[in-house]
PDB file of all heavy atoms in Angstrom:
ATOM      1  N   MET A   1       2.729  -0.701  20.972  1.00  0.00           N
ATOM      2  CA  MET A   1       3.109  -1.373  19.742  1.00  0.00           C
ATOM      3  C   MET A   1       2.975  -0.345  18.592  1.00  0.00           C
ATOM      4  O   MET A   1       1.896   0.197  18.383  1.00  0.00           O
ATOM      5  CB  MET A   1       2.192  -2.577  19.488  1.00  0.00           C
ATOM      6  CG  MET A   1       2.276  -3.648  20.542  1.00  0.00           C
ATOM      7  SD  MET A   1       0.839  -4.850  20.461  1.00  0.00           S
ATOM      8  CE  MET A   1      -0.467  -3.884  21.263  1.00  0.00           C
ATOM      9  N   HIS A   2       4.076  -0.084  17.929  1.00  0.00           N
ATOM     10  CA  HIS A   2       4.095   0.919  16.868  1.00  0.00           C
ATOM     11  C   HIS A   2       4.065   0.237  15.528  1.00  0.00           C
ATOM     12  O   HIS A   2       4.918  -0.613  15.192  1.00  0.00           O
ATOM     13  CB  HIS A   2       5.352   1.743  16.996  1.00  0.00           C
ATOM     14  CG  HIS A   2       5.415   2.548  18.271  1.00  0.00           C
ATOM     15  ND1 HIS A   2       5.521   3.890  18.330  1.00  0.00           N
ATOM     16  CD2 HIS A   2       5.390   2.162  19.561  1.00  0.00           C
ATOM     17  CE1 HIS A   2       5.558   4.311  19.545  1.00  0.00           C
ATOM     18  NE2 HIS A   2       5.507   3.265  20.372  1.00  0.00           N
ATOM     19  N   MET A   3       3.034   0.592  14.717  1.00  0.00           N
ATOM     20  CA  MET A   3       2.826  -0.069  13.426  1.00  0.00           C
ATOM     21  C   MET A   3       3.071   0.926  12.267  1.00  0.00           C
ATOM     22  O   MET A   3       2.591   2.075  12.286  1.00  0.00           O
ATOM     23  CB  MET A   3       1.366  -0.542  13.304  1.00  0.00           C
ATOM     24  CG  MET A   3       0.888  -1.409  14.386  1.00  0.00           C
ATOM     25  SD  MET A   3       1.534  -3.035  14.264  1.00  0.00           S
ATOM     26  CE  MET A   3       0.965  -3.776  15.803  1.00  0.00           C
ATOM     27  N   ALA A   4       3.839   0.503  11.294  1.00  0.00           N
ATOM     28  CA  ALA A   4       3.957   1.218  10.024  1.00  0.00           C
ATOM     29  C   ALA A   4       3.017   0.589   9.040  1.00  0.00           C
ATOM     30  O   ALA A   4       3.011  -0.623   8.830  1.00  0.00           O
ATOM     31  CB  ALA A   4       5.386   1.185   9.508  1.00  0.00           C
ATOM     32  N   VAL A   5       2.124   1.399   8.447  1.00  0.00           N
ATOM     33  CA  VAL A   5       1.116   0.913   7.539  1.00  0.00           C
ATOM     34  C   VAL A   5       1.259   1.549   6.135  1.00  0.00           C
ATOM     35  O   VAL A   5       1.432   2.764   6.062  1.00  0.00           O
ATOM     36  CB  VAL A   5      -0.349   1.162   8.078  1.00  0.00           C
ATOM     37  CG1 VAL A   5      -1.360   0.441   7.213  1.00  0.00           C
ATOM     38  CG2 VAL A   5      -0.446   0.690   9.525  1.00  0.00           C
ATOM     39  N   HIS A   6       1.227   0.701   5.112  1.00  0.00           N
ATOM     40  CA  HIS A   6       1.372   1.184   3.751  1.00  0.00           C
ATOM     41  C   HIS A   6       0.179   0.640   2.953  1.00  0.00           C
ATOM     42  O   HIS A   6      -0.130  -0.578   3.015  1.00  0.00           O
ATOM     43  CB  HIS A   6       2.648   0.733   3.129  1.00  0.00           C
ATOM     44  CG  HIS A   6       3.871   1.288   3.822  1.00  0.00           C
ATOM     45  ND1 HIS A   6       4.422   0.765   4.947  1.00  0.00           N
ATOM     46  CD2 HIS A   6       4.620   2.398   3.525  1.00  0.00           C
ATOM     47  CE1 HIS A   6       5.470   1.480   5.312  1.00  0.00           C
ATOM     48  NE2 HIS A   6       5.616   2.510   4.486  1.00  0.00           N
ATOM     49  N   VAL A   7      -0.435   1.506   2.125  1.00  0.00           N
ATOM     50  CA  VAL A   7      -1.518   1.113   1.242  1.00  0.00           C
ATOM     51  C   VAL A   7      -1.018   1.278  -0.199  1.00  0.00           C
ATOM     52  O   VAL A   7      -0.509   2.301  -0.579  1.00  0.00           O
ATOM     53  CB  VAL A   7      -2.734   1.965   1.475  1.00  0.00           C
ATOM     54  CG1 VAL A   7      -3.925   1.495   0.575  1.00  0.00           C
ATOM     55  CG2 VAL A   7      -3.171   1.964   2.925  1.00  0.00           C
ATOM     56  N   ARG A   8      -1.200   0.166  -0.934  1.00  0.00           N
ATOM     57  CA  ARG A   8      -0.861   0.220  -2.357  1.00  0.00           C
ATOM     58  C   ARG A   8      -2.097  -0.175  -3.159  1.00  0.00           C
ATOM     59  O   ARG A   8      -2.913  -0.957  -2.670  1.00  0.00           O
ATOM     60  CB  ARG A   8       0.306  -0.729  -2.695  1.00  0.00           C
ATOM     61  CG  ARG A   8       1.616  -0.260  -2.071  1.00  0.00           C
ATOM     62  CD  ARG A   8       2.782  -1.210  -2.306  1.00  0.00           C
ATOM     63  NE  ARG A   8       4.033  -0.663  -1.886  1.00  0.00           N
ATOM     64  CZ  ARG A   8       4.479  -0.651  -0.595  1.00  0.00           C
ATOM     65  NH1 ARG A   8       3.705  -1.228   0.329  1.00  0.00           N
ATOM     66  NH2 ARG A   8       5.627  -0.099  -0.310  1.00  0.00           N
ATOM     67  N   ALA A   9      -2.183   0.302  -4.363  1.00  0.00           N
ATOM     68  CA  ALA A   9      -3.350  -0.046  -5.190  1.00  0.00           C
ATOM     69  C   ALA A   9      -2.981   0.084  -6.676  1.00  0.00           C
ATOM     70  O   ALA A   9      -2.045   0.720  -7.067  1.00  0.00           O
ATOM     71  CB  ALA A   9      -4.528   0.920  -4.852  1.00  0.00           C
ATOM     72  N   GLY A  10      -3.849  -0.538  -7.487  1.00  0.00           N
ATOM     73  CA  GLY A  10      -3.610  -0.525  -8.935  1.00  0.00           C
ATOM     74  C   GLY A  10      -4.493  -1.568  -9.615  1.00  0.00           C
ATOM     75  O   GLY A  10      -5.436  -2.119  -8.988  1.00  0.00           O
ATOM     76  N   SER A  11      -4.209  -1.762 -10.892  1.00  0.00           N
ATOM     77  CA  SER A  11      -5.069  -2.680 -11.651  1.00  0.00           C
ATOM     78  C   SER A  11      -4.969  -4.109 -11.160  1.00  0.00           C
ATOM     79  O   SER A  11      -3.856  -4.592 -10.873  1.00  0.00           O
ATOM     80  CB  SER A  11      -4.601  -2.648 -13.125  1.00  0.00           C
ATOM     81  OG  SER A  11      -5.249  -3.687 -13.876  1.00  0.00           O
ATOM     82  N   ALA A  12      -6.103  -4.796 -11.037  1.00  0.00           N
ATOM     83  CA  ALA A  12      -6.084  -6.208 -10.600  1.00  0.00           C
ATOM     84  C   ALA A  12      -5.422  -7.063 -11.647  1.00  0.00           C
ATOM     85  O   ALA A  12      -5.006  -8.206 -11.346  1.00  0.00           O
ATOM     86  CB  ALA A  12      -7.538  -6.634 -10.329  1.00  0.00           C
ATOM     87  N   ARG A  13      -5.308  -6.551 -12.866  1.00  0.00           N
ATOM     88  CA  ARG A  13      -4.663  -7.360 -13.954  1.00  0.00           C
ATOM     89  C   ARG A  13      -3.133  -7.312 -13.801  1.00  0.00           C
ATOM     90  O   ARG A  13      -2.463  -8.165 -14.392  1.00  0.00           O
ATOM     91  CB  ARG A  13      -5.047  -6.808 -15.271  1.00  0.00           C
ATOM     92  CG  ARG A  13      -6.578  -6.876 -15.546  1.00  0.00           C
ATOM     93  CD  ARG A  13      -6.929  -6.267 -16.877  1.00  0.00           C
ATOM     94  NE  ARG A  13      -6.258  -6.948 -17.949  1.00  0.00           N
ATOM     95  CZ  ARG A  13      -6.351  -6.558 -19.243  1.00  0.00           C
ATOM     96  NH1 ARG A  13      -7.051  -5.436 -19.583  1.00  0.00           N
ATOM     97  NH2 ARG A  13      -5.757  -7.242 -20.219  1.00  0.00           N
ATOM     98  N   ARG A  14      -2.616  -6.345 -13.021  1.00  0.00           N
ATOM     99  CA  ARG A  14      -1.174  -6.232 -12.854  1.00  0.00           C
ATOM    100  C   ARG A  14      -0.859  -6.103 -11.353  1.00  0.00           C
ATOM    101  O   ARG A  14      -0.389  -5.079 -10.853  1.00  0.00           O
ATOM    102  CB  ARG A  14      -0.698  -4.997 -13.614  1.00  0.00           C
ATOM    103  CG  ARG A  14      -0.879  -5.112 -15.107  1.00  0.00           C
ATOM    104  CD  ARG A  14      -0.285  -3.908 -15.849  1.00  0.00           C
ATOM    105  NE  ARG A  14      -0.927  -2.669 -15.507  1.00  0.00           N
ATOM    106  CZ  ARG A  14      -2.070  -2.241 -16.025  1.00  0.00           C
ATOM    107  NH1 ARG A  14      -2.692  -2.928 -16.970  1.00  0.00           N
ATOM    108  NH2 ARG A  14      -2.603  -1.086 -15.637  1.00  0.00           N
ATOM    109  N   PRO A  15      -1.094  -7.176 -10.573  1.00  0.00           N
ATOM    110  CA  PRO A  15      -0.924  -7.117  -9.139  1.00  0.00           C
ATOM    111  C   PRO A  15       0.535  -6.874  -8.704  1.00  0.00           C
ATOM    112  O   PRO A  15       0.753  -6.449  -7.578  1.00  0.00           O
ATOM    113  CB  PRO A  15      -1.430  -8.485  -8.662  1.00  0.00           C
ATOM    114  CG  PRO A  15      -1.300  -9.364  -9.854  1.00  0.00           C
ATOM    115  CD  PRO A  15      -1.565  -8.470 -11.022  1.00  0.00           C
ATOM    116  N   SER A  16       1.500  -7.104  -9.556  1.00  0.00           N
ATOM    117  CA  SER A  16       2.899  -6.833  -9.186  1.00  0.00           C
ATOM    118  C   SER A  16       3.284  -5.356  -9.377  1.00  0.00           C
ATOM    119  O   SER A  16       4.405  -4.994  -9.051  1.00  0.00           O
ATOM    120  CB  SER A  16       3.797  -7.683 -10.055  1.00  0.00           C
ATOM    121  OG  SER A  16       3.718  -7.410 -11.403  1.00  0.00           O
ATOM    122  N   GLU A  17       2.354  -4.531  -9.902  1.00  0.00           N
ATOM    123  CA  GLU A  17       2.668  -3.147 -10.194  1.00  0.00           C
ATOM    124  C   GLU A  17       1.873  -2.196  -9.353  1.00  0.00           C
ATOM    125  O   GLU A  17       1.636  -1.035  -9.778  1.00  0.00           O
ATOM    126  CB  GLU A  17       2.437  -2.880 -11.704  1.00  0.00           C
ATOM    127  CG  GLU A  17       3.286  -3.730 -12.628  1.00  0.00           C
ATOM    128  CD  GLU A  17       2.997  -3.491 -14.074  1.00  0.00           C
ATOM    129  OE1 GLU A  17       2.236  -2.511 -14.388  1.00  0.00           O
ATOM    130  OE2 GLU A  17       3.466  -4.246 -14.918  1.00  0.00           O
ATOM    131  N   LEU A  18       1.464  -2.623  -8.164  1.00  0.00           N
ATOM    132  CA  LEU A  18       0.664  -1.733  -7.325  1.00  0.00           C
ATOM    133  C   LEU A  18       1.540  -0.552  -6.861  1.00  0.00           C
ATOM    134  O   LEU A  18       2.709  -0.669  -6.572  1.00  0.00           O
ATOM    135  CB  LEU A  18       0.155  -2.488  -6.123  1.00  0.00           C
ATOM    136  CG  LEU A  18      -0.694  -3.713  -6.373  1.00  0.00           C
ATOM    137  CD1 LEU A  18      -1.188  -4.312  -5.048  1.00  0.00           C
ATOM    138  CD2 LEU A  18      -1.892  -3.371  -7.302  1.00  0.00           C
ATOM    139  N   GLU A  19       0.888   0.646  -6.838  1.00  0.00           N
ATOM    140  CA  GLU A  19       1.582   1.863  -6.451  1.00  0.00           C
ATOM    141  C   GLU A  19       1.188   2.310  -5.035  1.00  0.00           C
ATOM    142  O   GLU A  19       0.040   2.119  -4.628  1.00  0.00           O
ATOM    143  CB  GLU A  19       1.258   3.010  -7.454  1.00  0.00           C
ATOM    144  CG  GLU A  19       1.771   2.709  -8.865  1.00  0.00           C
ATOM    145  CD  GLU A  19       1.397   3.871  -9.777  1.00  0.00           C
ATOM    146  OE1 GLU A  19       0.999   4.944  -9.278  1.00  0.00           O
ATOM    147  OE2 GLU A  19       1.512   3.721 -11.017  1.00  0.00           O
ATOM    148  N   LEU A  20       2.161   2.913  -4.335  1.00  0.00           N
ATOM    149  CA  LEU A  20       1.899   3.414  -2.982  1.00  0.00           C
ATOM    150  C   LEU A  20       0.876   4.557  -3.045  1.00  0.00           C
ATOM    151  O   LEU A  20       1.058   5.529  -3.807  1.00  0.00           O
ATOM    152  CB  LEU A  20       3.209   3.916  -2.363  1.00  0.00           C
ATOM    153  CG  LEU A  20       3.135   4.371  -0.900  1.00  0.00           C
ATOM    154  CD1 LEU A  20       2.756   3.248   0.060  1.00  0.00           C
ATOM    155  CD2 LEU A  20       4.421   5.046  -0.497  1.00  0.00           C
ATOM    156  N   THR A  21      -0.170   4.450  -2.238  1.00  0.00           N
ATOM    157  CA  THR A  21      -1.196   5.508  -2.182  1.00  0.00           C
ATOM    158  C   THR A  21      -1.225   6.213  -0.874  1.00  0.00           C
ATOM    159  O   THR A  21      -1.485   7.418  -0.776  1.00  0.00           O
ATOM    160  CB  THR A  21      -2.585   4.943  -2.439  1.00  0.00           C
ATOM    161  OG1 THR A  21      -2.997   4.147  -1.321  1.00  0.00           O
ATOM    162  CG2 THR A  21      -2.607   4.068  -3.668  1.00  0.00           C
ATOM    163  N   THR A  22      -0.953   5.525   0.237  1.00  0.00           N
ATOM    164  CA  THR A  22      -1.100   6.124   1.594  1.00  0.00           C
ATOM    165  C   THR A  22      -0.117   5.480   2.555  1.00  0.00           C
ATOM    166  O   THR A  22       0.150   4.279   2.470  1.00  0.00           O
ATOM    167  CB  THR A  22      -2.573   5.829   2.102  1.00  0.00           C
ATOM    168  OG1 THR A  22      -3.515   6.035   1.062  1.00  0.00           O
ATOM    169  CG2 THR A  22      -2.882   6.770   3.282  1.00  0.00           C
ATOM    170  N   THR A  23       0.404   6.308   3.441  1.00  0.00           N
ATOM    171  CA  THR A  23       1.236   5.807   4.521  1.00  0.00           C
ATOM    172  C   THR A  23       0.684   6.311   5.857  1.00  0.00           C
ATOM    173  O   THR A  23       0.021   7.343   5.942  1.00  0.00           O
ATOM    174  CB  THR A  23       2.673   6.306   4.371  1.00  0.00           C
ATOM    175  OG1 THR A  23       2.720   7.716   4.309  1.00  0.00           O
ATOM    176  CG2 THR A  23       3.325   5.699   3.133  1.00  0.00           C
ATOM    177  N   CYS A  24       0.986   5.579   6.946  1.00  0.00           N
ATOM    178  CA  CYS A  24       0.480   5.929   8.262  1.00  0.00           C
ATOM    179  C   CYS A  24       1.333   5.278   9.312  1.00  0.00           C
ATOM    180  O   CYS A  24       1.939   4.207   9.099  1.00  0.00           O
ATOM    181  CB  CYS A  24      -0.964   5.459   8.413  1.00  0.00           C
ATOM    182  SG  CYS A  24      -1.691   5.666  10.064  1.00  0.00           S
ATOM    183  N   MET A  25       1.391   5.917  10.503  1.00  0.00           N
ATOM    184  CA  MET A  25       1.969   5.297  11.691  1.00  0.00           C
ATOM    185  C   MET A  25       0.875   5.195  12.720  1.00  0.00           C
ATOM    186  O   MET A  25       0.155   6.164  13.008  1.00  0.00           O
ATOM    187  CB  MET A  25       3.122   6.138  12.249  1.00  0.00           C
ATOM    188  CG  MET A  25       4.373   6.135  11.388  1.00  0.00           C
ATOM    189  SD  MET A  25       5.169   4.526  11.184  1.00  0.00           S
ATOM    190  CE  MET A  25       5.626   4.195  12.893  1.00  0.00           C
ATOM    191  N   SER A  26       0.681   4.033  13.319  1.00  0.00           N
ATOM    192  CA  SER A  26      -0.326   3.815  14.340  1.00  0.00           C
ATOM    193  C   SER A  26       0.300   3.218  15.598  1.00  0.00           C
ATOM    194  O   SER A  26       1.261   2.458  15.474  1.00  0.00           O
ATOM    195  CB  SER A  26      -1.426   2.928  13.839  1.00  0.00           C
ATOM    196  OG  SER A  26      -2.121   3.498  12.780  1.00  0.00           O
TER     197      SER A  26
END
């Protein structure tokens, strides 16, 4: 099973504006 994983983060006050921080394939 091949998984694409994306991590986004940002201000909790603006949850719709999270920015990509990390990508990975597992």
